[in-house]
């Protein structure tokens, strides 16, 4: 394959024919789905983790624990693309609901992330010294208040690198949202290649963009980790 020809084809589609606008919109969509999906995942995962670590002293908590186990098992045991297809093409039509594909993608990514974050958060909670919870209870804090104000903040510091990895996974997983007609960055570069059936440069540029995104996220996580360590030393 002649690289000069491939580059000229890419230049024509990307610059001359304003393909970069589609790429920028796709990049925004990719980041939007990953960020909002992670936020939903952290909130949902925290709730699930709290249920998993709560003492099973009554039937209601035991039922919730079973529901959480089934939920986590489904979303960790099936591919993201299958979840998207089931949600968009099966579940929504069955319920008679019409929703924007991007909204559906955000929700599915959030539900998927919640399953993984729940296990990450559960491990983080269990890594905190049990005496911290007991101390909170000793000064009169209710169980849930002690968990939310004492245990959860400490567990976040412990699991920050793993949460960063989850964000990186979500960024890369967005490449499958084109299955439900969402134009993310992968579909944007693919459309540039489809114009002249020249995929060498578009796909190389796509890989480069993903690599840069992952490097930026990793850099941001390292900065946050250093700040947490400094705050611990000065506390």
Protein backbone atom coordinates (compact mmCIF):
# COMPACT_ATOMS: atom_id res chain seq x y z
CA UNK A 1 0.00 0.00 0.00
CA UNK A 2 1.32 3.41 -1.00
CA UNK A 3 1.48 5.49 2.18
CA UNK A 4 1.59 8.78 0.25
CA UNK A 5 -1.65 7.93 -1.49
CA UNK A 6 -3.24 6.83 1.79
CA UNK A 7 -2.14 10.03 3.50
CA UNK A 8 -3.45 12.21 0.67
CA UNK A 9 -6.79 10.41 0.84
CA UNK A 10 -6.94 10.96 4.60
CA UNK A 11 -5.98 14.64 4.23
CA UNK A 12 -8.71 15.22 1.67
CA UNK A 13 -11.39 13.67 3.86
CA UNK A 14 -10.11 14.98 7.20
CA UNK A 15 -9.21 18.57 6.30
CA UNK A 16 -10.61 19.52 2.90
CA UNK A 17 -14.00 17.84 3.40
CA UNK A 18 -14.22 18.77 7.11
CA UNK A 19 -13.96 15.23 8.41
CA UNK A 20 -12.25 16.62 11.50
CA UNK A 21 -15.61 18.01 12.65
CA UNK A 22 -17.05 14.51 12.75
CA UNK A 23 -13.96 13.30 14.60
CA UNK A 24 -14.22 16.08 17.20
CA UNK A 25 -17.91 15.34 17.73
CA UNK A 26 -17.08 11.65 18.03
CA UNK A 27 -14.34 12.42 20.57
CA UNK A 28 -16.77 14.46 22.66
CA UNK A 29 -19.28 11.61 22.51
CA UNK A 30 -16.64 9.07 23.54
CA UNK A 31 -15.55 11.12 26.55
CA UNK A 32 -19.16 11.95 27.48
CA UNK A 33 -20.23 8.29 27.53
CA UNK A 34 -17.15 7.19 29.48
CA UNK A 35 -17.26 10.00 32.07
CA UNK A 36 -21.00 9.85 32.73
CA UNK A 37 -20.90 6.06 32.68
CA UNK A 38 -18.15 6.09 35.31
CA UNK A 39 -20.06 8.56 37.51
CA UNK A 40 -23.15 6.35 37.39
CA UNK A 41 -20.94 3.32 38.00
CA UNK A 42 -19.30 4.84 41.07
CA UNK A 43 -22.63 5.81 42.62
CA UNK A 44 -24.28 2.49 41.81
CA UNK A 45 -21.19 0.47 42.67
CA UNK A 46 -20.90 2.16 46.07
CA UNK A 47 -24.51 1.29 46.90
CA UNK A 48 -24.00 -2.32 45.79
CA UNK A 49 -20.77 -2.61 47.77
CA UNK A 50 -22.44 -1.29 50.91
CA UNK A 51 -25.19 -3.88 50.54
CA UNK A 52 -22.60 -6.64 50.04
CA UNK A 53 -20.65 -5.74 53.20
CA UNK A 54 -23.70 -5.07 55.38
CA UNK A 55 -24.30 -7.80 57.97
CA UNK A 56 -27.09 -10.08 56.76
CA UNK A 57 -29.17 -9.79 59.92
CA UNK A 58 -32.59 -9.71 58.28
CA UNK A 59 -34.44 -11.14 55.29
CA UNK A 60 -34.61 -7.82 53.43
CA UNK A 61 -30.82 -7.39 53.39
CA UNK A 62 -30.38 -11.02 52.30
CA UNK A 63 -32.80 -10.51 49.40
CA UNK A 64 -30.94 -7.35 48.33
CA UNK A 65 -27.68 -9.29 48.52
CA UNK A 66 -29.05 -11.96 46.15
CA UNK A 67 -30.29 -9.29 43.72
CA UNK A 68 -26.86 -7.62 43.79
CA UNK A 69 -25.13 -10.94 43.14
CA UNK A 70 -27.34 -11.66 40.11
CA UNK A 71 -26.88 -8.12 38.80
CA UNK A 72 -23.10 -8.21 39.11
CA UNK A 73 -22.96 -11.70 37.62
CA UNK A 74 -24.93 -10.64 34.53
CA UNK A 75 -23.03 -7.46 33.76
CA UNK A 76 -19.62 -9.02 34.43
CA UNK A 77 -20.50 -12.20 32.56
CA UNK A 78 -21.77 -10.76 29.28
CA UNK A 79 -19.96 -8.58 26.71
CA UNK A 80 -20.66 -4.86 26.62
CA UNK A 81 -21.84 -5.04 23.01
CA UNK A 82 -24.44 -7.69 23.94
CA UNK A 83 -25.71 -5.47 26.75
CA UNK A 84 -26.02 -2.54 24.35
CA UNK A 85 -27.91 -4.63 21.78
CA UNK A 86 -30.25 -6.11 24.39
CA UNK A 87 -30.93 -2.71 25.92
CA UNK A 88 -31.46 -0.74 22.72
CA UNK A 89 -33.02 -3.27 20.35
CA UNK A 90 -34.83 -5.62 22.75
CA UNK A 91 -35.63 -4.11 26.15
CA UNK A 92 -36.65 -0.59 25.06
CA UNK A 93 -39.01 -1.80 22.27
CA UNK A 94 -40.57 -4.32 24.68
CA UNK A 95 -41.25 -1.51 27.15
CA UNK A 96 -42.44 0.83 24.41
CA UNK A 97 -39.78 3.39 25.30
CA UNK A 98 -38.04 5.63 22.77
CA UNK A 99 -34.67 6.99 23.87
CA UNK A 100 -31.68 8.63 22.26
CA UNK A 101 -28.94 6.11 21.48
CA UNK A 102 -26.33 8.15 23.37
CA UNK A 103 -28.51 8.18 26.49
CA UNK A 104 -28.94 4.42 26.23
CA UNK A 105 -25.18 3.98 25.82
CA UNK A 106 -24.49 6.10 28.92
CA UNK A 107 -26.99 4.10 30.98
CA UNK A 108 -25.66 0.72 29.82
CA UNK A 109 -22.07 1.82 30.43
CA UNK A 110 -23.08 3.05 33.87
CA UNK A 111 -24.80 -0.24 34.72
CA UNK A 112 -21.82 -2.21 33.45
CA UNK A 113 -19.35 -0.05 35.33
CA UNK A 114 -21.47 -0.31 38.48
CA UNK A 115 -21.00 -4.07 38.50
CA UNK A 116 -17.22 -3.76 38.34
CA UNK A 117 -16.97 -0.77 40.67
CA UNK A 118 -19.05 -2.64 43.26
CA UNK A 119 -16.37 -5.30 43.53
CA UNK A 120 -13.61 -2.70 43.52
CA UNK A 121 -15.38 -0.69 46.21
CA UNK A 122 -16.12 -3.78 48.28
CA UNK A 123 -12.41 -4.65 48.28
CA UNK A 124 -11.59 -1.06 49.22
CA UNK A 125 -14.04 -1.07 52.12
CA UNK A 126 -12.65 -4.34 53.42
CA UNK A 127 -9.12 -2.94 53.20
CA UNK A 128 -9.99 -0.25 55.77
CA UNK A 129 -9.19 -1.20 59.36
CA UNK A 130 -12.38 -2.45 61.02
CA UNK A 131 -11.52 -0.33 64.03
CA UNK A 132 -12.43 2.77 62.02
CA UNK A 133 -16.05 1.67 61.75
CA UNK A 134 -16.13 0.61 65.37
CA UNK A 135 -14.76 3.99 66.45
CA UNK A 136 -17.48 5.77 64.49
CA UNK A 137 -20.16 3.61 66.06
CA UNK A 138 -18.62 4.18 69.50
CA UNK A 139 -19.13 7.94 69.23
CA UNK A 140 -22.79 7.44 68.35
CA UNK A 141 -22.81 7.43 64.54
CA UNK A 142 -25.37 5.14 62.90
CA UNK A 143 -23.94 2.29 60.80
CA UNK A 144 -24.65 3.88 57.42
CA UNK A 145 -23.40 7.30 58.51
CA UNK A 146 -20.16 5.79 59.80
CA UNK A 147 -19.70 3.92 56.53
CA UNK A 148 -20.34 6.98 54.35
CA UNK A 149 -18.35 9.49 56.39
CA UNK A 150 -15.47 7.39 57.70
CA UNK A 151 -14.98 4.14 55.78
CA UNK A 152 -15.91 5.13 52.20
CA UNK A 153 -13.56 8.19 52.01
CA UNK A 154 -10.63 6.06 53.18
CA UNK A 155 -11.49 3.26 50.78
CA UNK A 156 -11.58 5.71 47.84
CA UNK A 157 -7.90 6.52 48.40
CA UNK A 158 -7.06 2.82 48.39
CA UNK A 159 -8.90 2.04 45.16
CA UNK A 160 -8.10 5.20 43.17
CA UNK A 161 -5.65 3.46 40.76
CA UNK A 162 -8.18 0.69 40.11
CA UNK A 163 -10.93 3.24 39.46
CA UNK A 164 -8.57 4.90 37.02
CA UNK A 165 -8.15 1.59 35.23
CA UNK A 166 -11.94 1.23 35.09
CA UNK A 167 -12.16 4.65 33.42
CA UNK A 168 -9.54 3.60 30.87
CA UNK A 169 -11.50 0.42 30.14
CA UNK A 170 -14.68 2.46 29.60
CA UNK A 171 -12.88 4.83 27.22
CA UNK A 172 -11.74 1.89 25.11
CA UNK A 173 -15.06 0.05 25.36
CA UNK A 174 -16.87 3.00 23.77
CA UNK A 175 -15.59 1.69 20.45
CA UNK A 176 -18.61 -0.68 20.38
CA UNK A 177 -21.33 1.98 20.67
CA UNK A 178 -21.54 2.20 16.88
CA UNK A 179 -23.58 -1.03 17.11
CA UNK A 180 -26.51 1.14 18.26
CA UNK A 181 -25.83 3.91 15.73
CA UNK A 182 -23.81 6.21 18.01
CA UNK A 183 -21.06 8.13 16.23
CA UNK A 184 -18.10 7.86 18.57
CA UNK A 185 -14.49 8.48 17.64
CA UNK A 186 -14.07 4.96 16.23
CA UNK A 187 -17.03 5.32 13.90
CA UNK A 188 -15.88 8.82 12.93
CA UNK A 189 -12.48 7.61 11.75
CA UNK A 190 -14.06 4.57 10.10
CA UNK A 191 -16.33 6.86 8.09
CA UNK A 192 -13.25 8.72 6.83
CA UNK A 193 -11.75 5.42 5.68
CA UNK A 194 -15.05 4.32 4.11
CA UNK A 195 -15.04 7.36 1.82
CA UNK A 196 -12.18 5.99 -0.33
CA UNK A 197 -11.65 2.54 1.25
CA UNK A 198 -8.28 3.74 2.58
CA UNK A 199 -8.06 2.68 6.23
CA UNK A 200 -4.33 2.76 6.95
CA UNK A 201 -4.02 6.38 8.12
CA UNK A 202 -7.49 6.70 9.73
CA UNK A 203 -6.99 3.61 11.89
CA UNK A 204 -3.44 4.61 12.81
CA UNK A 205 -4.72 8.02 13.86
CA UNK A 206 -7.54 6.35 15.79
CA UNK A 207 -5.05 4.23 17.72
CA UNK A 208 -2.98 7.35 18.43
CA UNK A 209 -6.00 9.23 19.82
CA UNK A 210 -6.89 6.37 22.15
CA UNK A 211 -3.27 6.15 23.26
CA UNK A 212 -3.15 9.87 24.06
CA UNK A 213 -6.43 9.68 25.99
CA UNK A 214 -5.15 6.77 28.08
CA UNK A 215 -1.86 8.58 28.76
CA UNK A 216 -3.71 11.72 29.90
CA UNK A 217 -5.94 9.69 32.24
CA UNK A 218 -2.95 7.82 33.65
CA UNK A 219 -1.11 11.10 34.21
CA UNK A 220 -4.13 12.57 35.99
CA UNK A 221 -4.43 9.54 38.27
CA UNK A 222 -0.76 9.75 39.24
CA UNK A 223 -1.20 13.43 40.15
CA UNK A 224 -4.20 12.61 42.34
CA UNK A 225 -2.29 9.78 44.03
CA UNK A 226 0.62 12.11 44.85
CA UNK A 227 -1.76 14.68 46.32
CA UNK A 228 -3.41 12.04 48.48
CA UNK A 229 -0.02 10.88 49.74
CA UNK A 230 1.02 14.44 50.57
CA UNK A 231 -2.24 15.06 52.43
CA UNK A 232 -1.69 11.89 54.46
CA UNK A 233 1.82 12.98 55.44
CA UNK A 234 0.66 16.46 56.49
CA UNK A 235 -2.43 15.22 58.34
